Amino acid sequence: MSQRWVIHLPIVAADLPAAQRFARVVGRWMLVLPQVEPGGTTVSAEDDQNLRHWVFCDSPMPDGRRCLLRTGHDGRCSRRLRR
């Protein structure tokens, strides 16, 4: 068994896009903590937690880090939001 533990923190949102937006905000904000891996963030319906929806792209980038844009984004991967 791994020596790592995962924290599941239930937060309620009105729909899937709202849940994904909220999770992206929280994931990016939590980057100040070295223990956080936001790329693995998913959301699910309360009554169907086995069906999870990815929040971040999480694709590997040339520098070895992971993309922090929304899943299914257009264009090149990045660690920062595009305006």
Foldseek 3Di string as FASTA:
>chain_A
DDPDDDDDDDDDDDDDVRVLVVLLVVLLVCVVDPVGDSQPDWDDDPVCVVDTHGNACQDADPVRGGFSHGHPDDDDGDVDDDD
